[in-house]
N, C-alpha and C. Protein backbone atom coordinates (compact mmCIF):
# COMPACT_ATOMS: atom_id res chain seq x y z
N UNK A 1 0.82 -1.19 0.00
CA UNK A 1 0.00 0.00 0.00
C UNK A 1 0.86 1.25 0.00
N UNK A 2 1.97 1.19 0.77
CA UNK A 2 2.84 2.37 0.81
C UNK A 2 3.43 2.65 -0.56
N UNK A 3 3.80 1.61 -1.28
CA UNK A 3 4.34 1.78 -2.62
C UNK A 3 3.29 2.42 -3.54
N UNK A 4 2.05 1.95 -3.45
CA UNK A 4 0.99 2.52 -4.29
C UNK A 4 0.73 3.97 -3.93
N UNK A 5 0.79 4.31 -2.63
CA UNK A 5 0.60 5.70 -2.22
C UNK A 5 1.74 6.58 -2.73
N UNK A 6 2.95 6.04 -2.73
CA UNK A 6 4.08 6.80 -3.29
C UNK A 6 3.91 6.99 -4.80
N UNK A 7 3.36 6.00 -5.48
CA UNK A 7 3.11 6.14 -6.92
C UNK A 7 2.10 7.26 -7.18
N UNK A 8 1.10 7.40 -6.31
CA UNK A 8 0.13 8.50 -6.46
C UNK A 8 0.84 9.84 -6.29
N UNK A 9 1.73 9.93 -5.30
CA UNK A 9 2.47 11.18 -5.11
C UNK A 9 3.35 11.50 -6.32
N UNK A 10 4.00 10.47 -6.85
CA UNK A 10 4.85 10.67 -8.04
C UNK A 10 3.99 11.19 -9.20
N UNK A 11 2.84 10.56 -9.40
CA UNK A 11 1.99 10.97 -10.52
C UNK A 11 1.44 12.36 -10.30
N UNK A 12 1.18 12.75 -9.04
CA UNK A 12 0.73 14.11 -8.75
C UNK A 12 1.80 15.12 -9.17
N UNK A 13 3.07 14.78 -8.92
CA UNK A 13 4.15 15.67 -9.35
C UNK A 13 4.27 15.69 -10.88
N UNK A 14 3.96 14.56 -11.52
CA UNK A 14 3.95 14.53 -12.98
C UNK A 14 2.87 15.46 -13.54
N UNK A 15 1.73 15.53 -12.86
CA UNK A 15 0.67 16.46 -13.26
C UNK A 15 1.18 17.89 -13.17
N UNK A 16 1.85 18.20 -12.08
CA UNK A 16 2.38 19.56 -11.92
C UNK A 16 3.41 19.87 -13.00
N UNK A 17 4.23 18.87 -13.33
CA UNK A 17 5.23 19.10 -14.38
C UNK A 17 4.55 19.33 -15.73
N UNK A 18 3.51 18.57 -16.03
CA UNK A 18 2.80 18.75 -17.30
C UNK A 18 2.11 20.10 -17.34
N UNK A 19 1.56 20.52 -16.21
CA UNK A 19 0.86 21.80 -16.14
C UNK A 19 1.83 22.98 -16.27
N UNK A 20 3.10 22.76 -15.99
CA UNK A 20 4.06 23.86 -16.05
C UNK A 20 4.26 24.39 -17.47
N UNK A 21 3.84 23.62 -18.49
CA UNK A 21 3.93 24.10 -19.87
C UNK A 21 3.04 25.30 -20.12
N UNK A 22 2.02 25.53 -19.30
CA UNK A 22 1.15 26.70 -19.44
C UNK A 22 1.82 27.97 -18.91
N UNK A 23 2.82 27.81 -18.05
CA UNK A 23 3.41 28.96 -17.37
C UNK A 23 4.55 29.55 -18.21
N UNK A 24 4.74 30.85 -18.10
CA UNK A 24 5.90 31.44 -18.78
C UNK A 24 7.18 30.98 -18.08
N UNK A 25 8.25 30.92 -18.87
CA UNK A 25 9.52 30.45 -18.34
C UNK A 25 10.53 31.58 -18.44
N UNK A 26 11.18 31.85 -17.33
CA UNK A 26 12.17 32.91 -17.26
C UNK A 26 13.54 32.26 -17.17
N UNK A 27 14.41 32.65 -18.09
CA UNK A 27 15.77 32.11 -18.11
C UNK A 27 16.74 33.26 -17.90
N UNK A 28 17.61 33.11 -16.93
CA UNK A 28 18.67 34.10 -16.69
C UNK A 28 19.98 33.50 -17.16
N UNK A 29 20.82 34.35 -17.78
CA UNK A 29 22.10 33.84 -18.23
C UNK A 29 23.17 34.90 -18.00
N UNK A 30 24.40 34.43 -17.89
CA UNK A 30 25.53 35.32 -17.70
C UNK A 30 26.78 34.69 -18.27
N UNK A 31 27.71 35.52 -18.75
CA UNK A 31 28.96 35.03 -19.31
C UNK A 31 30.05 36.03 -18.96
N UNK A 32 31.09 35.55 -18.31
CA UNK A 32 32.25 36.38 -17.99
C UNK A 32 33.45 35.77 -18.67
N UNK A 33 34.20 36.61 -19.43
CA UNK A 33 35.38 36.14 -20.14
C UNK A 33 36.54 37.08 -19.85
N UNK A 34 37.71 36.47 -19.82
CA UNK A 34 38.93 37.26 -19.70
C UNK A 34 39.99 36.57 -20.53
N UNK A 35 40.47 37.22 -21.51
CA UNK A 35 41.49 36.62 -22.37
C UNK A 35 41.70 37.46 -23.62
N UNK A 36 42.43 36.89 -24.61
CA UNK A 36 42.68 37.62 -25.84
C UNK A 36 41.96 37.00 -27.03
N UNK A 37 41.17 35.97 -26.82
CA UNK A 37 40.42 35.32 -27.90
C UNK A 37 38.98 35.14 -27.41
N UNK A 38 38.26 36.24 -27.29
CA UNK A 38 36.95 36.21 -26.64
C UNK A 38 35.85 35.86 -27.64
N UNK A 39 34.78 35.30 -27.06
CA UNK A 39 33.60 34.91 -27.83
C UNK A 39 32.60 36.05 -27.76
N UNK A 40 32.07 36.46 -28.93
CA UNK A 40 31.07 37.51 -28.97
C UNK A 40 29.70 36.87 -28.98
N UNK A 41 28.93 37.11 -27.94
CA UNK A 41 27.63 36.46 -27.80
C UNK A 41 26.67 36.94 -28.88
N UNK A 42 26.72 38.18 -29.22
CA UNK A 42 25.80 38.73 -30.21
C UNK A 42 25.99 38.15 -31.60
N UNK A 43 27.24 38.04 -32.06
CA UNK A 43 27.50 37.54 -33.42
C UNK A 43 27.78 36.05 -33.44
N UNK A 44 28.17 35.49 -32.32
CA UNK A 44 28.48 34.07 -32.26
C UNK A 44 29.85 33.74 -32.81
N UNK A 45 30.76 34.73 -32.88
CA UNK A 45 32.10 34.51 -33.43
C UNK A 45 33.14 34.89 -32.39
N UNK A 46 34.34 34.34 -32.61
CA UNK A 46 35.47 34.67 -31.73
C UNK A 46 36.32 35.74 -32.42
N UNK A 47 36.91 36.57 -31.59
CA UNK A 47 37.84 37.56 -32.16
C UNK A 47 39.20 36.89 -32.31
N UNK A 48 39.82 37.14 -33.41
CA UNK A 48 41.11 36.51 -33.71
C UNK A 48 42.19 37.56 -33.56
N UNK A 49 43.26 37.20 -32.88
CA UNK A 49 44.38 38.11 -32.71
C UNK A 49 45.63 37.50 -33.35
N UNK A 50 46.46 38.34 -33.90
CA UNK A 50 47.67 37.84 -34.56
C UNK A 50 48.90 38.13 -33.73
N UNK A 51 48.71 38.43 -32.46
CA UNK A 51 49.85 38.76 -31.61
C UNK A 51 50.64 37.51 -31.31
N UNK A 52 51.98 37.65 -31.33
CA UNK A 52 52.84 36.52 -31.03
C UNK A 52 52.86 36.22 -29.53
N UNK A 53 52.67 37.24 -28.72
CA UNK A 53 52.64 37.07 -27.28
C UNK A 53 51.21 36.73 -26.86
N UNK A 54 50.97 35.54 -26.24
CA UNK A 54 49.60 35.19 -25.88
C UNK A 54 49.03 36.04 -24.76
N UNK A 55 49.89 36.81 -24.09
CA UNK A 55 49.39 37.63 -22.98
C UNK A 55 49.16 39.08 -23.39
N UNK A 56 49.39 39.41 -24.67
CA UNK A 56 49.13 40.78 -25.11
C UNK A 56 47.68 40.88 -25.55
N UNK A 57 47.13 41.99 -25.35
CA UNK A 57 45.75 42.24 -25.75
C UNK A 57 44.72 41.57 -24.86
N UNK A 58 45.04 41.30 -23.60
CA UNK A 58 44.08 40.69 -22.67
C UNK A 58 43.02 41.70 -22.31
N UNK A 59 41.80 41.23 -22.28
CA UNK A 59 40.71 42.11 -21.87
C UNK A 59 39.62 41.26 -21.23
N UNK A 60 38.72 41.89 -20.53
CA UNK A 60 37.62 41.19 -19.86
C UNK A 60 36.29 41.61 -20.43
N UNK A 61 35.31 40.73 -20.30
CA UNK A 61 34.00 41.02 -20.84
C UNK A 61 32.97 40.28 -19.98
N UNK A 62 31.88 40.95 -19.67
CA UNK A 62 30.77 40.32 -18.95
C UNK A 62 29.50 40.58 -19.73
N UNK A 63 28.77 39.51 -20.00
CA UNK A 63 27.49 39.62 -20.70
C UNK A 63 26.43 38.94 -19.83
N UNK A 64 25.32 39.57 -19.62
CA UNK A 64 24.24 39.00 -18.82
C UNK A 64 22.90 39.37 -19.41
N UNK A 65 21.89 38.61 -19.04
CA UNK A 65 20.58 38.93 -19.55
C UNK A 65 19.51 37.99 -19.03
N UNK A 66 18.31 38.22 -19.47
CA UNK A 66 17.16 37.41 -19.08
C UNK A 66 16.32 37.16 -20.31
N UNK A 67 15.67 36.00 -20.33
CA UNK A 67 14.83 35.65 -21.46
C UNK A 67 13.50 35.12 -20.92
N UNK A 68 12.41 35.69 -21.36
CA UNK A 68 11.08 35.25 -20.96
C UNK A 68 10.44 34.53 -22.13
N UNK A 69 10.00 33.27 -21.89
CA UNK A 69 9.45 32.46 -22.96
C UNK A 69 8.03 32.05 -22.58
N UNK A 70 7.10 32.25 -23.51
CA UNK A 70 5.72 31.78 -23.33
C UNK A 70 5.30 31.12 -24.64
N UNK A 71 4.90 29.86 -24.55
CA UNK A 71 4.55 29.10 -25.74
C UNK A 71 3.03 29.12 -25.90
N UNK A 72 2.54 29.93 -26.85
CA UNK A 72 1.10 30.05 -27.06
C UNK A 72 0.56 29.00 -28.02
N UNK A 73 1.37 28.51 -28.90
CA UNK A 73 0.88 27.64 -29.97
C UNK A 73 1.00 26.15 -29.64
N UNK A 74 1.55 25.82 -28.47
CA UNK A 74 1.70 24.42 -28.09
C UNK A 74 0.81 24.09 -26.88
N UNK A 75 -0.18 24.94 -26.60
CA UNK A 75 -1.01 24.73 -25.41
C UNK A 75 -1.90 23.49 -25.54
N UNK A 76 -2.24 23.06 -26.76
CA UNK A 76 -3.05 21.86 -26.91
C UNK A 76 -2.25 20.62 -26.46
N UNK A 77 -0.97 20.55 -26.82
CA UNK A 77 -0.14 19.45 -26.34
C UNK A 77 -0.01 19.48 -24.83
N UNK A 78 0.16 20.68 -24.28
CA UNK A 78 0.26 20.81 -22.82
C UNK A 78 -1.05 20.40 -22.16
N UNK A 79 -2.17 20.79 -22.77
CA UNK A 79 -3.48 20.44 -22.23
C UNK A 79 -3.69 18.92 -22.24
N UNK A 80 -3.34 18.27 -23.34
CA UNK A 80 -3.52 16.82 -23.40
C UNK A 80 -2.54 16.10 -22.48
N UNK A 81 -1.31 16.61 -22.36
CA UNK A 81 -0.34 15.99 -21.45
C UNK A 81 -0.82 16.11 -20.00
N UNK A 82 -1.41 17.26 -19.66
CA UNK A 82 -1.95 17.44 -18.31
C UNK A 82 -3.13 16.52 -18.08
N UNK A 83 -4.00 16.39 -19.07
CA UNK A 83 -5.14 15.47 -18.94
C UNK A 83 -4.70 14.02 -18.79
N UNK A 84 -3.70 13.62 -19.56
CA UNK A 84 -3.18 12.26 -19.44
C UNK A 84 -2.56 12.02 -18.07
N UNK A 85 -1.84 13.00 -17.57
CA UNK A 85 -1.22 12.86 -16.24
C UNK A 85 -2.30 12.76 -15.17
N UNK A 86 -3.38 13.55 -15.31
CA UNK A 86 -4.51 13.45 -14.35
C UNK A 86 -5.14 12.06 -14.42
N UNK A 87 -5.30 11.56 -15.62
CA UNK A 87 -5.89 10.22 -15.80
C UNK A 87 -5.03 9.16 -15.12
N UNK A 88 -3.72 9.23 -15.32
CA UNK A 88 -2.83 8.26 -14.68
C UNK A 88 -2.83 8.41 -13.16
N UNK A 89 -3.00 9.65 -12.69
CA UNK A 89 -3.09 9.86 -11.23
C UNK A 89 -4.35 9.20 -10.68
N UNK A 90 -5.45 9.32 -11.39
CA UNK A 90 -6.70 8.67 -10.94
C UNK A 90 -6.56 7.15 -10.95
N UNK A 91 -5.88 6.62 -11.96
CA UNK A 91 -5.64 5.17 -12.00
C UNK A 91 -4.85 4.74 -10.76
N UNK A 92 -3.80 5.51 -10.42
CA UNK A 92 -3.00 5.17 -9.24
C UNK A 92 -3.82 5.28 -7.96
N UNK A 93 -4.72 6.27 -7.88
CA UNK A 93 -5.59 6.39 -6.70
C UNK A 93 -6.51 5.18 -6.58
N UNK A 94 -7.05 4.72 -7.70
CA UNK A 94 -7.91 3.53 -7.67
C UNK A 94 -7.11 2.29 -7.29
N UNK A 95 -5.84 2.27 -7.70
CA UNK A 95 -4.98 1.14 -7.33
C UNK A 95 -4.75 1.12 -5.82
N UNK A 96 -4.60 2.31 -5.21
CA UNK A 96 -4.48 2.38 -3.75
C UNK A 96 -5.74 1.85 -3.10
N UNK A 97 -6.90 2.24 -3.62
CA UNK A 97 -8.17 1.73 -3.05
C UNK A 97 -8.25 0.21 -3.18
N UNK A 98 -7.79 -0.32 -4.32
CA UNK A 98 -7.82 -1.77 -4.52
C UNK A 98 -6.94 -2.48 -3.50
N UNK A 99 -5.72 -1.93 -3.29
CA UNK A 99 -4.83 -2.53 -2.30
C UNK A 99 -5.42 -2.45 -0.90
N UNK A 100 -6.06 -1.32 -0.59
CA UNK A 100 -6.70 -1.19 0.73
C UNK A 100 -7.77 -2.25 0.91
N UNK A 101 -8.55 -2.49 -0.12
CA UNK A 101 -9.61 -3.51 -0.01
C UNK A 101 -9.02 -4.91 0.09
N UNK A 102 -7.92 -5.17 -0.64
CA UNK A 102 -7.27 -6.48 -0.52
C UNK A 102 -6.74 -6.71 0.88
N UNK A 103 -6.10 -5.70 1.44
CA UNK A 103 -5.57 -5.83 2.80
C UNK A 103 -6.71 -5.99 3.78
N UNK A 104 -7.78 -5.22 3.60
CA UNK A 104 -8.94 -5.33 4.48
C UNK A 104 -9.53 -6.73 4.41
N UNK A 105 -9.63 -7.28 3.21
CA UNK A 105 -10.19 -8.63 3.06
C UNK A 105 -9.26 -9.66 3.70
N UNK A 106 -7.95 -9.50 3.53
CA UNK A 106 -7.01 -10.43 4.16
C UNK A 106 -7.10 -10.37 5.68
N UNK A 107 -7.19 -9.17 6.22
CA UNK A 107 -7.29 -9.02 7.68
C UNK A 107 -8.60 -9.61 8.19
N UNK A 108 -9.69 -9.34 7.50
CA UNK A 108 -10.98 -9.89 7.94
C UNK A 108 -10.98 -11.42 7.86
N UNK A 109 -10.40 -11.97 6.80
CA UNK A 109 -10.36 -13.44 6.67
C UNK A 109 -9.49 -14.06 7.76
N UNK A 110 -8.32 -13.44 8.03
CA UNK A 110 -7.46 -13.97 9.09
C UNK A 110 -8.13 -13.87 10.44
N UNK A 111 -8.86 -12.79 10.68
CA UNK A 111 -9.59 -12.63 11.95
C UNK A 111 -10.69 -13.68 12.08
N UNK A 112 -11.41 -13.93 10.99
CA UNK A 112 -12.48 -14.93 11.03
C UNK A 112 -11.92 -16.32 11.31
N UNK A 113 -10.77 -16.64 10.70
CA UNK A 113 -10.15 -17.94 10.96
C UNK A 113 -9.70 -18.03 12.41
N UNK A 114 -9.17 -16.93 12.95
CA UNK A 114 -8.78 -16.93 14.37
C UNK A 114 -9.98 -17.21 15.27
N UNK A 115 -11.10 -16.54 14.99
CA UNK A 115 -12.30 -16.76 15.80
C UNK A 115 -12.76 -18.21 15.71
N UNK A 116 -12.70 -18.78 14.50
CA UNK A 116 -13.10 -20.17 14.32
C UNK A 116 -12.19 -21.11 15.10
N UNK A 117 -10.88 -20.84 15.06
CA UNK A 117 -9.93 -21.68 15.78
C UNK A 117 -10.10 -21.56 17.30
N UNK A 118 -10.37 -20.36 17.77
CA UNK A 118 -10.63 -20.21 19.20
C UNK A 118 -11.91 -20.94 19.61
N UNK A 119 -12.92 -20.92 18.73
CA UNK A 119 -14.16 -21.65 19.02
C UNK A 119 -13.90 -23.16 19.04
N UNK A 120 -12.99 -23.64 18.19
CA UNK A 120 -12.65 -25.07 18.20
C UNK A 120 -11.79 -25.44 19.40
N UNK A 121 -11.01 -24.51 19.90
CA UNK A 121 -10.06 -24.80 20.98
C UNK A 121 -10.77 -25.03 22.31
N UNK A 122 -11.83 -24.28 22.58
CA UNK A 122 -12.53 -24.41 23.88
C UNK A 122 -13.08 -25.83 24.09
N UNK A 123 -13.80 -26.42 23.12
CA UNK A 123 -14.28 -27.79 23.34
C UNK A 123 -13.14 -28.80 23.42
N UNK A 124 -12.04 -28.56 22.68
CA UNK A 124 -10.91 -29.48 22.75
C UNK A 124 -10.24 -29.44 24.13
N UNK A 125 -10.20 -28.26 24.73
CA UNK A 125 -9.66 -28.16 26.09
C UNK A 125 -10.54 -28.93 27.06
N UNK A 126 -11.86 -28.78 26.90
CA UNK A 126 -12.79 -29.53 27.78
C UNK A 126 -12.66 -31.03 27.53
N UNK A 127 -12.49 -31.45 26.27
CA UNK A 127 -12.34 -32.87 25.96
C UNK A 127 -11.05 -33.42 26.54
N UNK A 128 -9.98 -32.63 26.50
CA UNK A 128 -8.72 -33.08 27.11
C UNK A 128 -8.86 -33.25 28.61
N UNK A 129 -9.53 -32.29 29.26
CA UNK A 129 -9.74 -32.39 30.71
C UNK A 129 -10.60 -33.60 31.06
N UNK A 130 -11.62 -33.85 30.22
CA UNK A 130 -12.48 -35.00 30.46
C UNK A 130 -11.70 -36.30 30.25
N UNK A 131 -10.84 -36.35 29.22
CA UNK A 131 -10.03 -37.55 28.98
C UNK A 131 -9.05 -37.77 30.13
N UNK A 132 -8.51 -36.70 30.68
CA UNK A 132 -7.60 -36.81 31.82
C UNK A 132 -8.35 -37.36 33.04
N UNK A 133 -9.58 -36.85 33.28
CA UNK A 133 -10.38 -37.36 34.40
C UNK A 133 -10.73 -38.83 34.19
N UNK A 134 -11.09 -39.21 32.95
CA UNK A 134 -11.41 -40.60 32.65
C UNK A 134 -10.20 -41.50 32.90
N UNK A 135 -9.02 -41.03 32.50
CA UNK A 135 -7.81 -41.82 32.73
C UNK A 135 -7.56 -42.01 34.22
N UNK A 136 -7.78 -40.96 35.00
CA UNK A 136 -7.60 -41.07 36.45
C UNK A 136 -8.58 -42.09 37.03
N UNK A 137 -9.84 -42.05 36.58
CA UNK A 137 -10.86 -42.98 37.08
C UNK A 137 -10.51 -44.41 36.66
N UNK A 138 -10.17 -44.61 35.37
CA UNK A 138 -9.86 -45.96 34.88
C UNK A 138 -8.59 -46.48 35.55
N UNK A 139 -7.63 -45.59 35.80
CA UNK A 139 -6.40 -46.02 36.48
C UNK A 139 -6.72 -46.50 37.90
N UNK A 140 -7.58 -45.77 38.59
CA UNK A 140 -7.99 -46.20 39.94
C UNK A 140 -8.73 -47.54 39.88
N UNK A 141 -9.62 -47.70 38.91
CA UNK A 141 -10.35 -48.96 38.76
C UNK A 141 -9.40 -50.10 38.41
N UNK A 142 -8.38 -49.79 37.56
CA UNK A 142 -7.42 -50.82 37.16
C UNK A 142 -6.60 -51.28 38.38
N UNK A 143 -6.20 -50.32 39.22
CA UNK A 143 -5.42 -50.67 40.40
C UNK A 143 -6.25 -51.50 41.39
N UNK A 144 -7.57 -51.28 41.42
CA UNK A 144 -8.46 -52.05 42.28
C UNK A 144 -8.82 -53.40 41.67
N UNK A 145 -8.48 -53.56 40.40
CA UNK A 145 -8.80 -54.82 39.73
C UNK A 145 -10.17 -54.83 39.09
N UNK A 146 -10.84 -53.67 38.98
CA UNK A 146 -12.19 -53.59 38.39
C UNK A 146 -12.16 -53.30 36.89
N UNK A 147 -10.98 -52.94 36.31
CA UNK A 147 -10.90 -52.60 34.89
C UNK A 147 -9.80 -53.42 34.24
N UNK A 148 -9.98 -53.64 32.95
CA UNK A 148 -8.97 -54.39 32.19
C UNK A 148 -7.86 -53.45 31.74
N UNK A 149 -6.73 -54.06 31.43
CA UNK A 149 -5.60 -53.28 30.92
C UNK A 149 -5.95 -52.58 29.62
N UNK A 150 -6.81 -53.21 28.82
CA UNK A 150 -7.26 -52.61 27.55
C UNK A 150 -8.00 -51.31 27.82
N UNK A 151 -8.86 -51.28 28.81
CA UNK A 151 -9.59 -50.06 29.15
C UNK A 151 -8.63 -48.97 29.60
N UNK A 152 -7.61 -49.37 30.37
CA UNK A 152 -6.62 -48.42 30.84
C UNK A 152 -5.81 -47.86 29.66
N UNK A 153 -5.41 -48.73 28.72
CA UNK A 153 -4.68 -48.27 27.54
C UNK A 153 -5.55 -47.40 26.63
N UNK A 154 -6.83 -47.77 26.48
CA UNK A 154 -7.75 -46.95 25.68
C UNK A 154 -7.90 -45.55 26.28
N UNK A 155 -7.95 -45.45 27.59
CA UNK A 155 -8.06 -44.14 28.25
C UNK A 155 -6.79 -43.32 28.01
N UNK A 156 -5.63 -43.97 28.03
CA UNK A 156 -4.39 -43.26 27.74
C UNK A 156 -4.34 -42.78 26.29
N UNK A 157 -4.82 -43.61 25.37
CA UNK A 157 -4.86 -43.23 23.95
C UNK A 157 -5.83 -42.07 23.74
N UNK A 158 -6.98 -42.14 24.43
CA UNK A 158 -7.94 -41.03 24.32
C UNK A 158 -7.34 -39.72 24.80
N UNK A 159 -6.60 -39.77 25.92
CA UNK A 159 -5.95 -38.56 26.42
C UNK A 159 -4.89 -38.07 25.44
N UNK A 160 -4.10 -38.98 24.88
CA UNK A 160 -3.07 -38.59 23.92
C UNK A 160 -3.69 -37.97 22.68
N UNK A 161 -4.81 -38.54 22.18
CA UNK A 161 -5.49 -37.97 21.00
C UNK A 161 -6.05 -36.58 21.31
N UNK A 162 -6.63 -36.41 22.50
CA UNK A 162 -7.18 -35.10 22.87
C UNK A 162 -6.06 -34.07 22.96
N UNK A 163 -4.92 -34.45 23.54
CA UNK A 163 -3.80 -33.51 23.63
C UNK A 163 -3.22 -33.22 22.24
N UNK A 164 -3.20 -34.22 21.38
CA UNK A 164 -2.71 -34.02 20.01
C UNK A 164 -3.61 -33.05 19.25
N UNK A 165 -4.93 -33.23 19.37
CA UNK A 165 -5.87 -32.33 18.69
C UNK A 165 -5.74 -30.91 19.23
N UNK A 166 -5.59 -30.79 20.55
CA UNK A 166 -5.43 -29.46 21.15
C UNK A 166 -4.12 -28.81 20.70
N UNK A 167 -3.06 -29.59 20.63
CA UNK A 167 -1.77 -29.05 20.17
C UNK A 167 -1.86 -28.62 18.70
N UNK A 168 -2.58 -29.38 17.89
CA UNK A 168 -2.74 -29.04 16.48
C UNK A 168 -3.47 -27.70 16.32
N UNK A 169 -4.55 -27.53 17.06
CA UNK A 169 -5.32 -26.28 16.97
C UNK A 169 -4.48 -25.12 17.52
N UNK A 170 -3.71 -25.35 18.57
CA UNK A 170 -2.85 -24.30 19.12
C UNK A 170 -1.80 -23.89 18.11
N UNK A 171 -1.22 -24.85 17.40
CA UNK A 171 -0.24 -24.53 16.35
C UNK A 171 -0.90 -23.75 15.22
N UNK A 172 -2.11 -24.15 14.84
CA UNK A 172 -2.83 -23.41 13.79
C UNK A 172 -3.14 -21.99 14.24
N UNK A 173 -3.46 -21.83 15.53
CA UNK A 173 -3.71 -20.48 16.06
C UNK A 173 -2.46 -19.62 15.95
N UNK A 174 -1.32 -20.17 16.34
CA UNK A 174 -0.07 -19.39 16.26
C UNK A 174 0.24 -19.02 14.81
N UNK A 175 0.06 -19.95 13.90
CA UNK A 175 0.29 -19.68 12.49
C UNK A 175 -0.67 -18.60 11.99
N UNK A 176 -1.92 -18.67 12.42
CA UNK A 176 -2.91 -17.69 11.99
C UNK A 176 -2.59 -16.30 12.54
N UNK A 177 -2.05 -16.25 13.76
CA UNK A 177 -1.62 -14.95 14.31
C UNK A 177 -0.51 -14.36 13.44
N UNK A 178 0.42 -15.21 12.99
CA UNK A 178 1.48 -14.73 12.11
C UNK A 178 0.91 -14.22 10.79
N UNK A 179 -0.07 -14.93 10.26
CA UNK A 179 -0.70 -14.49 9.01
C UNK A 179 -1.43 -13.16 9.20
N UNK A 180 -2.07 -12.99 10.36
CA UNK A 180 -2.74 -11.73 10.64
C UNK A 180 -1.73 -10.60 10.75
N UNK A 181 -0.60 -10.84 11.41
CA UNK A 181 0.45 -9.82 11.50
C UNK A 181 0.97 -9.46 10.10
N UNK A 182 1.16 -10.47 9.26
CA UNK A 182 1.64 -10.20 7.90
C UNK A 182 0.61 -9.40 7.12
N UNK A 183 -0.68 -9.72 7.29
CA UNK A 183 -1.73 -8.97 6.59
C UNK A 183 -1.81 -7.54 7.06
N UNK A 184 -1.46 -7.30 8.33
CA UNK A 184 -1.47 -5.94 8.86
C UNK A 184 -0.21 -5.17 8.50
N UNK A 185 0.77 -5.85 7.88
CA UNK A 185 1.98 -5.17 7.44
C UNK A 185 3.11 -5.20 8.44
N UNK A 186 2.98 -5.99 9.51
CA UNK A 186 4.05 -6.10 10.50
C UNK A 186 5.05 -7.16 10.08
N UNK A 187 6.25 -7.05 10.63
CA UNK A 187 7.25 -8.06 10.41
C UNK A 187 6.87 -9.28 11.25
N UNK A 188 6.78 -10.43 10.62
CA UNK A 188 6.30 -11.63 11.28
C UNK A 188 7.31 -12.10 12.32
N UNK A 189 6.81 -12.41 13.51
CA UNK A 189 7.65 -12.95 14.57
C UNK A 189 8.28 -11.89 15.45
N UNK A 190 8.05 -10.60 15.16
CA UNK A 190 8.61 -9.51 15.97
C UNK A 190 7.48 -8.93 16.80
N UNK A 191 7.76 -8.73 18.10
CA UNK A 191 6.75 -8.17 18.98
C UNK A 191 6.52 -6.70 18.63
N UNK A 192 5.26 -6.30 18.53
CA UNK A 192 4.90 -4.91 18.22
C UNK A 192 4.07 -4.39 19.38
N UNK A 193 4.59 -3.34 20.01
CA UNK A 193 3.91 -2.81 21.19
C UNK A 193 2.99 -1.77 20.87
């Protein structure tokens, strides 16, 4: 999203640049020369000296001025360039909106999955606690001789399966939290206060 927002800013500056063709342009110039073979700005020629001594006939010259330019006959090109730049700016703005909606959809989907996983985790925690209680009861019955070893092993397997399911959902929750952080634009695995 940040990249798309920067593209909008860039295109906004492109609009300003295209619009600058409507404005008059002022150019300032200056030329300072010192020597014996000077350039004449008005005629565009150099003065030639036939002196054998290169240091004879030294003189200085300073030329300065300003030029104001206004292009009246190219305003249609400037108008169309400005319109095209505005069009591209609007495209970039819509692209920002599209990215915002994509991020919003990703965040909402990650949040919904988190809620679903939390809803699955509560019954699994209760099932694990119940399997632990059953194992304690069957273990007591086994020690008294009222239960078979198979019942005792089945209770241990039930507890192991309940803990496995709970661990699986907990791992999915952690992964989903990372996905939510990534969707929000945070660096994954770094604490954000």
